[in-house]
Amino acid sequence: MGLDFTKAIHPVDNMLTAIGHKQNLVSNNVANAHTPGYTAKTASFSDMLFAANSPFETRLSQKMGSKYSVGEAGEIDSGSPVQLQKEMIEMQKNLMLYSMTTRRASTIFNGLRTASQIGR
C-alpha cells in the first residue's frame, strides 16, 4: 500500500491556487483604490475550497465561513469603495495562509523523501 502523491499534494495545490487568486484581487483593489467608480472585489475562500471537494479544504472552508454569493470566477463585488487598511489586512491574512500551505507542502515532500530513502 503506497502513498498516492497526487492525493497528498492535491489539497495544497488547490489552496495555493485560491491564495493566488485572492492575492490578485487584493492587488487590483490597491492599484485601483483611487479609480473613480471602482468598487472593492474579494473572493470567498470557503466557496473556492469547498468546490475542490477535499477533506482538508472542506474543514478549512467551514472554519472560514461564507457570507456572499460567488460569481463564476470566484469574485465578489462588494459594491463599496476600496478601504486600503482593509486590503492590507487581507494581504496579511493571505500571507499567513500561504505560509501555512507551503509548510504543509514541505511536510509532504519531506515525508516522500524519507519514504524513498527507506531500505537503501
Protein backbone atom coordinates (compact mmCIF):
# COMPACT_ATOMS: atom_id res chain seq x y z
CA MET A 1 0.00 0.00 0.00
CA GLY A 2 1.86 3.09 -1.25
CA LEU A 3 1.33 6.79 -0.87
CA ASP A 4 -0.57 8.37 -3.72
CA PHE A 5 1.40 11.56 -4.42
CA THR A 6 -1.44 13.19 -6.34
CA LYS A 7 -3.86 12.63 -3.46
CA ALA A 8 -1.36 14.01 -0.95
CA ILE A 9 -0.47 17.18 -2.86
CA HIS A 10 -3.90 17.98 -4.38
CA PRO A 11 -5.21 19.94 -1.33
CA VAL A 12 -2.02 22.02 -1.26
CA ASP A 13 -2.31 22.75 -4.98
CA ASN A 14 -5.94 23.87 -4.57
CA MET A 15 -5.08 26.09 -1.63
CA LEU A 16 -2.17 27.75 -3.47
CA THR A 17 -4.46 28.42 -6.44
CA ALA A 18 -7.04 30.05 -4.15
CA ILE A 19 -4.34 32.12 -2.42
CA GLY A 20 -3.01 33.32 -5.77
CA HIS A 21 -6.49 34.33 -6.90
CA LYS A 22 -7.12 36.20 -3.65
CA GLN A 23 -3.74 37.98 -3.92
CA ASN A 24 -4.57 39.13 -7.45
CA LEU A 25 -7.87 40.58 -6.26
CA VAL A 26 -6.26 42.42 -3.35
CA SER A 27 -3.53 43.78 -5.63
CA ASN A 28 -6.13 45.03 -8.12
CA ASN A 29 -8.07 46.68 -5.30
CA VAL A 30 -4.97 48.52 -4.07
CA ALA A 31 -4.00 49.54 -7.59
CA ASN A 32 -7.49 50.88 -8.30
CA ALA A 33 -8.20 52.41 -4.88
CA HIS A 34 -8.46 55.91 -6.34
CA THR A 35 -10.09 54.98 -9.65
CA PRO A 36 -13.49 56.70 -9.89
CA GLY A 37 -16.36 54.21 -9.81
CA TYR A 38 -14.18 51.20 -8.90
CA THR A 39 -15.62 49.01 -6.15
CA ALA A 40 -13.66 46.59 -4.00
CA LYS A 41 -13.60 42.96 -5.10
CA THR A 42 -12.92 39.98 -2.92
CA ALA A 43 -13.10 36.18 -3.10
CA SER A 44 -14.70 33.65 -0.81
CA PHE A 45 -12.06 31.10 0.20
CA SER A 46 -14.73 28.88 1.65
CA ASP A 47 -16.63 28.63 -1.62
CA MET A 48 -13.47 28.19 -3.72
CA LEU A 49 -12.10 25.47 -1.45
CA PHE A 50 -15.41 23.71 -0.90
CA ALA A 51 -15.69 23.31 -4.67
CA ALA A 52 -12.43 21.34 -4.60
CA ASN A 53 -14.23 18.67 -2.53
CA SER A 54 -11.26 17.67 -0.40
CA PRO A 55 -11.50 16.88 3.34
CA PHE A 56 -8.71 19.40 4.18
CA GLU A 57 -10.33 22.14 2.16
CA THR A 58 -13.82 21.33 3.40
CA ARG A 59 -12.73 21.69 7.05
CA LEU A 60 -10.90 24.91 6.27
CA SER A 61 -13.84 26.35 4.35
CA GLN A 62 -16.22 25.51 7.20
CA LYS A 63 -13.95 27.37 9.63
CA MET A 64 -13.70 30.41 7.37
CA GLY A 65 -17.41 30.59 6.57
CA SER A 66 -19.04 32.26 3.62
CA LYS A 67 -21.40 35.22 3.61
CA TYR A 68 -21.54 36.20 -0.05
CA SER A 69 -22.61 34.53 -3.24
CA VAL A 70 -19.74 33.98 -5.62
CA GLY A 71 -19.64 34.50 -9.37
CA GLU A 72 -18.13 32.04 -11.81
CA ALA A 73 -14.61 33.44 -11.36
CA GLY A 74 -14.94 33.34 -7.57
CA GLU A 75 -15.05 37.14 -7.42
CA ILE A 76 -17.45 39.06 -5.25
CA ASP A 77 -18.17 42.72 -5.98
CA SER A 78 -18.68 44.38 -2.61
CA GLY A 79 -20.30 47.47 -4.11
CA SER A 80 -18.30 49.67 -1.75
CA PRO A 81 -15.14 51.71 -2.30
CA VAL A 82 -11.71 50.25 -1.59
CA GLN A 83 -10.53 50.68 2.00
CA LEU A 84 -6.74 50.45 1.94
CA GLN A 85 -6.48 49.44 5.62
CA LYS A 86 -8.83 46.52 4.98
CA GLU A 87 -6.85 45.48 1.90
CA MET A 88 -3.60 45.47 3.90
CA ILE A 89 -5.25 43.22 6.49
CA GLU A 90 -6.43 40.90 3.72
CA MET A 91 -2.90 40.82 2.33
CA GLN A 92 -1.53 39.80 5.76
CA LYS A 93 -4.16 37.06 6.11
CA ASN A 94 -3.22 35.80 2.67
CA LEU A 95 0.47 35.76 3.65
CA MET A 96 -0.33 33.65 6.72
CA LEU A 97 -2.36 31.19 4.63
CA TYR A 98 0.49 30.99 2.12
CA SER A 99 2.98 30.30 4.89
CA MET A 100 0.81 27.53 6.38
CA THR A 101 0.23 25.97 2.97
CA THR A 102 3.89 25.96 1.95
CA ARG A 103 4.79 24.40 5.31
CA ARG A 104 2.25 21.67 4.59
CA ALA A 105 3.79 21.11 1.16
CA SER A 106 7.23 20.90 2.74
CA THR A 107 5.97 18.29 5.21
CA ILE A 108 4.54 16.20 2.37
CA PHE A 109 7.77 16.39 0.35
CA ASN A 110 9.90 15.55 3.40
CA GLY A 111 7.70 12.53 4.08
CA LEU A 112 8.08 11.37 0.49
CA ARG A 113 11.84 11.87 0.63
CA THR A 114 12.06 9.85 3.85
CA ALA A 115 9.90 7.09 2.39
CA SER A 116 12.05 6.93 -0.74
CA GLN A 117 15.22 6.54 1.31
CA ILE A 118 13.99 3.65 3.46
CA GLY A 119 15.71 0.41 2.53
CA ARG A 120 18.69 1.97 0.80
